[in-house]
Amino acid sequence: MSTECILSDYLDHAMAAAAYDELDDGTFAGRIPPCKGVVAFGTSLMECEHSLRSTLEDWLFLGLKLGHSIPILAGLDLNRQPTREPLDAM
């Protein structure tokens, strides 16, 4: 698995775990169970999926900024602290 696009890969794996329900009024609700609180709604399944991905992106970026523990998905661990090379190594 390539980790060149770790955020994109993470988002793709999270979306693959999404679950959708059709509500009584014909609209849709979507959630990503490993990512607590990531829920979205839409008038169509496609709209719900788009809204869910947008919600996931916001949830992920805010969680990273605030230092929240992000669930590990498909071996992608976004909780690790970055390693930095000394500037004189460049």
N, C-alpha and C. Protein backbone atom coordinates (compact mmCIF):
# COMPACT_ATOMS: atom_id res chain seq x y z
N MET A 1 0.84 -1.18 0.00
CA MET A 1 0.00 0.00 0.00
C MET A 1 0.88 1.24 0.00
N SER A 2 0.63 2.16 -0.87
CA SER A 2 1.38 3.40 -0.96
C SER A 2 0.87 4.39 0.08
N THR A 3 1.78 5.10 0.69
CA THR A 3 1.37 6.12 1.65
C THR A 3 1.75 7.51 1.15
N GLU A 4 1.84 7.67 -0.15
CA GLU A 4 2.15 8.97 -0.72
C GLU A 4 1.03 9.97 -0.45
N CYS A 5 -0.18 9.50 -0.42
CA CYS A 5 -1.36 10.35 -0.20
C CYS A 5 -2.09 9.85 1.03
N ILE A 6 -1.45 9.91 2.17
CA ILE A 6 -1.99 9.28 3.37
C ILE A 6 -3.36 9.82 3.76
N LEU A 7 -3.58 11.13 3.62
CA LEU A 7 -4.89 11.67 3.97
C LEU A 7 -5.97 11.19 3.00
N SER A 8 -5.65 11.19 1.72
CA SER A 8 -6.61 10.70 0.72
C SER A 8 -6.90 9.22 0.95
N ASP A 9 -5.86 8.44 1.22
CA ASP A 9 -6.05 7.01 1.49
C ASP A 9 -6.92 6.82 2.73
N TYR A 10 -6.66 7.61 3.76
CA TYR A 10 -7.44 7.50 5.00
C TYR A 10 -8.92 7.81 4.72
N LEU A 11 -9.17 8.89 4.00
CA LEU A 11 -10.54 9.28 3.67
C LEU A 11 -11.23 8.18 2.86
N ASP A 12 -10.52 7.60 1.91
CA ASP A 12 -11.10 6.52 1.09
C ASP A 12 -11.45 5.31 1.94
N HIS A 13 -10.57 4.92 2.86
CA HIS A 13 -10.85 3.76 3.72
C HIS A 13 -12.00 4.06 4.68
N ALA A 14 -12.07 5.28 5.18
CA ALA A 14 -13.17 5.65 6.06
C ALA A 14 -14.50 5.62 5.31
N MET A 15 -14.50 6.13 4.10
CA MET A 15 -15.74 6.13 3.31
C MET A 15 -16.16 4.71 2.96
N ALA A 16 -15.21 3.82 2.81
CA ALA A 16 -15.53 2.42 2.52
C ALA A 16 -16.24 1.77 3.71
N ALA A 17 -16.05 2.32 4.90
CA ALA A 17 -16.70 1.80 6.11
C ALA A 17 -18.05 2.45 6.37
N ALA A 18 -18.47 3.35 5.49
CA ALA A 18 -19.73 4.08 5.70
C ALA A 18 -20.93 3.15 5.63
N ALA A 19 -21.93 3.51 6.43
CA ALA A 19 -23.21 2.78 6.43
C ALA A 19 -24.32 3.80 6.17
N TYR A 20 -25.27 3.40 5.35
CA TYR A 20 -26.35 4.31 4.96
C TYR A 20 -27.70 3.67 5.29
N ASP A 21 -28.65 4.52 5.63
CA ASP A 21 -30.02 4.08 5.89
C ASP A 21 -30.97 4.99 5.14
N GLU A 22 -32.00 4.40 4.57
CA GLU A 22 -33.07 5.21 3.99
C GLU A 22 -34.08 5.47 5.08
N LEU A 23 -34.40 6.73 5.29
CA LEU A 23 -35.32 7.13 6.34
C LEU A 23 -36.77 7.03 5.85
N ASP A 24 -37.70 7.11 6.78
CA ASP A 24 -39.13 6.97 6.45
C ASP A 24 -39.61 7.98 5.41
N ASP A 25 -39.00 9.16 5.39
CA ASP A 25 -39.44 10.20 4.44
C ASP A 25 -38.72 10.10 3.09
N GLY A 26 -37.93 9.04 2.89
CA GLY A 26 -37.25 8.84 1.61
C GLY A 26 -35.88 9.50 1.53
N THR A 27 -35.48 10.22 2.56
CA THR A 27 -34.14 10.80 2.58
C THR A 27 -33.16 9.76 3.12
N PHE A 28 -31.89 10.11 3.15
CA PHE A 28 -30.86 9.16 3.56
C PHE A 28 -30.01 9.72 4.70
N ALA A 29 -29.58 8.82 5.56
CA ALA A 29 -28.65 9.14 6.63
C ALA A 29 -27.41 8.27 6.44
N GLY A 30 -26.26 8.85 6.65
CA GLY A 30 -25.01 8.11 6.53
C GLY A 30 -24.17 8.32 7.77
N ARG A 31 -23.37 7.32 8.10
CA ARG A 31 -22.47 7.41 9.24
C ARG A 31 -21.23 6.57 8.96
N ILE A 32 -20.17 6.88 9.69
CA ILE A 32 -18.94 6.10 9.59
C ILE A 32 -18.65 5.59 10.99
N PRO A 33 -19.03 4.35 11.29
CA PRO A 33 -18.93 3.84 12.66
C PRO A 33 -17.57 3.98 13.34
N PRO A 34 -16.44 3.76 12.65
CA PRO A 34 -15.16 3.92 13.37
C PRO A 34 -14.86 5.37 13.75
N CYS A 35 -15.51 6.31 13.09
CA CYS A 35 -15.26 7.74 13.31
C CYS A 35 -16.45 8.33 14.05
N LYS A 36 -16.38 8.29 15.37
CA LYS A 36 -17.51 8.71 16.21
C LYS A 36 -17.96 10.13 15.90
N GLY A 37 -19.24 10.28 15.65
CA GLY A 37 -19.82 11.59 15.41
C GLY A 37 -19.88 12.01 13.96
N VAL A 38 -19.36 11.20 13.06
CA VAL A 38 -19.40 11.55 11.64
C VAL A 38 -20.72 11.03 11.07
N VAL A 39 -21.66 11.96 10.90
CA VAL A 39 -23.01 11.64 10.44
C VAL A 39 -23.42 12.71 9.44
N ALA A 40 -24.18 12.31 8.43
CA ALA A 40 -24.67 13.28 7.45
C ALA A 40 -26.00 12.81 6.89
N PHE A 41 -26.72 13.74 6.28
CA PHE A 41 -28.04 13.46 5.71
C PHE A 41 -28.10 14.03 4.30
N GLY A 42 -28.99 13.47 3.49
CA GLY A 42 -29.18 13.98 2.14
C GLY A 42 -30.50 13.53 1.57
N THR A 43 -30.98 14.26 0.57
CA THR A 43 -32.25 13.90 -0.06
C THR A 43 -32.08 12.72 -1.02
N SER A 44 -30.85 12.46 -1.44
CA SER A 44 -30.55 11.29 -2.26
C SER A 44 -29.33 10.60 -1.66
N LEU A 45 -29.10 9.37 -2.06
CA LEU A 45 -27.94 8.64 -1.55
C LEU A 45 -26.64 9.32 -1.96
N MET A 46 -26.59 9.83 -3.21
CA MET A 46 -25.40 10.51 -3.69
C MET A 46 -25.14 11.79 -2.89
N GLU A 47 -26.19 12.55 -2.63
CA GLU A 47 -26.05 13.77 -1.84
C GLU A 47 -25.59 13.45 -0.41
N CYS A 48 -26.14 12.39 0.14
CA CYS A 48 -25.75 11.96 1.49
C CYS A 48 -24.28 11.56 1.52
N GLU A 49 -23.84 10.81 0.52
CA GLU A 49 -22.44 10.38 0.45
C GLU A 49 -21.51 11.59 0.33
N HIS A 50 -21.87 12.54 -0.50
CA HIS A 50 -21.06 13.75 -0.67
C HIS A 50 -20.99 14.53 0.65
N SER A 51 -22.12 14.68 1.30
CA SER A 51 -22.17 15.39 2.58
C SER A 51 -21.37 14.65 3.66
N LEU A 52 -21.44 13.32 3.63
CA LEU A 52 -20.72 12.51 4.60
C LEU A 52 -19.21 12.68 4.42
N ARG A 53 -18.73 12.69 3.19
CA ARG A 53 -17.30 12.87 2.95
C ARG A 53 -16.85 14.26 3.40
N SER A 54 -17.66 15.27 3.15
CA SER A 54 -17.32 16.62 3.58
C SER A 54 -17.27 16.70 5.11
N THR A 55 -18.23 16.08 5.76
CA THR A 55 -18.25 16.04 7.23
C THR A 55 -17.03 15.30 7.75
N LEU A 56 -16.68 14.18 7.12
CA LEU A 56 -15.50 13.42 7.51
C LEU A 56 -14.24 14.26 7.39
N GLU A 57 -14.09 14.99 6.30
CA GLU A 57 -12.92 15.84 6.11
C GLU A 57 -12.81 16.88 7.23
N ASP A 58 -13.92 17.54 7.52
CA ASP A 58 -13.92 18.54 8.60
C ASP A 58 -13.58 17.91 9.94
N TRP A 59 -14.19 16.74 10.22
CA TRP A 59 -13.95 16.02 11.48
C TRP A 59 -12.47 15.64 11.61
N LEU A 60 -11.89 15.17 10.51
CA LEU A 60 -10.50 14.73 10.52
C LEU A 60 -9.55 15.91 10.74
N PHE A 61 -9.73 16.98 9.98
CA PHE A 61 -8.83 18.13 10.09
C PHE A 61 -8.95 18.80 11.47
N LEU A 62 -10.15 18.90 11.98
CA LEU A 62 -10.33 19.49 13.31
C LEU A 62 -9.72 18.58 14.38
N GLY A 63 -9.93 17.29 14.25
CA GLY A 63 -9.36 16.35 15.20
C GLY A 63 -7.83 16.40 15.21
N LEU A 64 -7.24 16.49 14.04
CA LEU A 64 -5.78 16.60 13.95
C LEU A 64 -5.29 17.90 14.57
N LYS A 65 -5.99 18.99 14.29
CA LYS A 65 -5.60 20.29 14.83
C LYS A 65 -5.69 20.31 16.35
N LEU A 66 -6.74 19.68 16.89
CA LEU A 66 -6.95 19.69 18.34
C LEU A 66 -6.22 18.57 19.07
N GLY A 67 -5.55 17.71 18.32
CA GLY A 67 -4.80 16.62 18.93
C GLY A 67 -5.65 15.47 19.42
N HIS A 68 -6.84 15.31 18.85
CA HIS A 68 -7.70 14.19 19.23
C HIS A 68 -7.12 12.87 18.72
N SER A 69 -7.48 11.80 19.36
CA SER A 69 -7.06 10.47 18.90
C SER A 69 -7.90 10.10 17.68
N ILE A 70 -7.24 9.83 16.58
CA ILE A 70 -7.91 9.49 15.33
C ILE A 70 -7.87 7.97 15.18
N PRO A 71 -9.01 7.32 14.88
CA PRO A 71 -9.00 5.86 14.74
C PRO A 71 -8.04 5.41 13.64
N ILE A 72 -7.36 4.32 13.87
CA ILE A 72 -6.47 3.74 12.87
C ILE A 72 -7.32 2.92 11.91
N LEU A 73 -7.23 3.21 10.63
CA LEU A 73 -7.99 2.50 9.60
C LEU A 73 -7.02 1.90 8.59
N ALA A 74 -7.17 0.62 8.32
CA ALA A 74 -6.35 -0.08 7.32
C ALA A 74 -4.86 0.15 7.56
N GLY A 75 -4.48 0.22 8.82
CA GLY A 75 -3.08 0.41 9.15
C GLY A 75 -2.59 1.85 9.04
N LEU A 76 -3.48 2.77 8.68
CA LEU A 76 -3.10 4.18 8.54
C LEU A 76 -3.27 4.86 9.89
N ASP A 77 -2.16 5.20 10.52
CA ASP A 77 -2.16 5.82 11.84
C ASP A 77 -1.78 7.28 11.70
N LEU A 78 -2.76 8.16 11.85
CA LEU A 78 -2.51 9.60 11.73
C LEU A 78 -2.14 10.22 13.06
N ASN A 79 -2.03 9.42 14.11
CA ASN A 79 -1.73 9.92 15.44
C ASN A 79 -0.24 10.07 15.71
N ARG A 80 0.59 9.48 14.87
CA ARG A 80 2.03 9.56 15.09
C ARG A 80 2.52 10.98 14.93
N GLN A 81 3.46 11.35 15.76
CA GLN A 81 4.08 12.67 15.64
C GLN A 81 5.03 12.65 14.45
N PRO A 82 5.06 13.72 13.66
CA PRO A 82 5.97 13.74 12.51
C PRO A 82 7.42 13.79 12.96
N THR A 83 8.27 13.17 12.16
CA THR A 83 9.70 13.27 12.42
C THR A 83 10.25 14.37 11.52
N ARG A 84 11.16 15.11 12.04
CA ARG A 84 11.71 16.24 11.29
C ARG A 84 13.22 16.09 11.16
N GLU A 85 13.68 16.37 9.97
CA GLU A 85 15.13 16.36 9.71
C GLU A 85 15.67 17.74 10.14
N PRO A 86 16.90 17.77 10.63
CA PRO A 86 17.52 19.06 10.94
C PRO A 86 17.65 19.89 9.65
N LEU A 87 17.54 21.18 9.76
CA LEU A 87 17.61 22.04 8.57
C LEU A 87 18.96 21.92 7.87
N ASP A 88 20.02 21.67 8.61
CA ASP A 88 21.32 21.58 7.97
C ASP A 88 21.50 20.27 7.19
N ALA A 89 20.54 19.34 7.28
CA ALA A 89 20.58 18.10 6.52
C ALA A 89 20.14 18.31 5.08
N MET A 90 19.58 19.44 4.80
CA MET A 90 19.08 19.71 3.45
C MET A 90 20.17 20.11 2.55
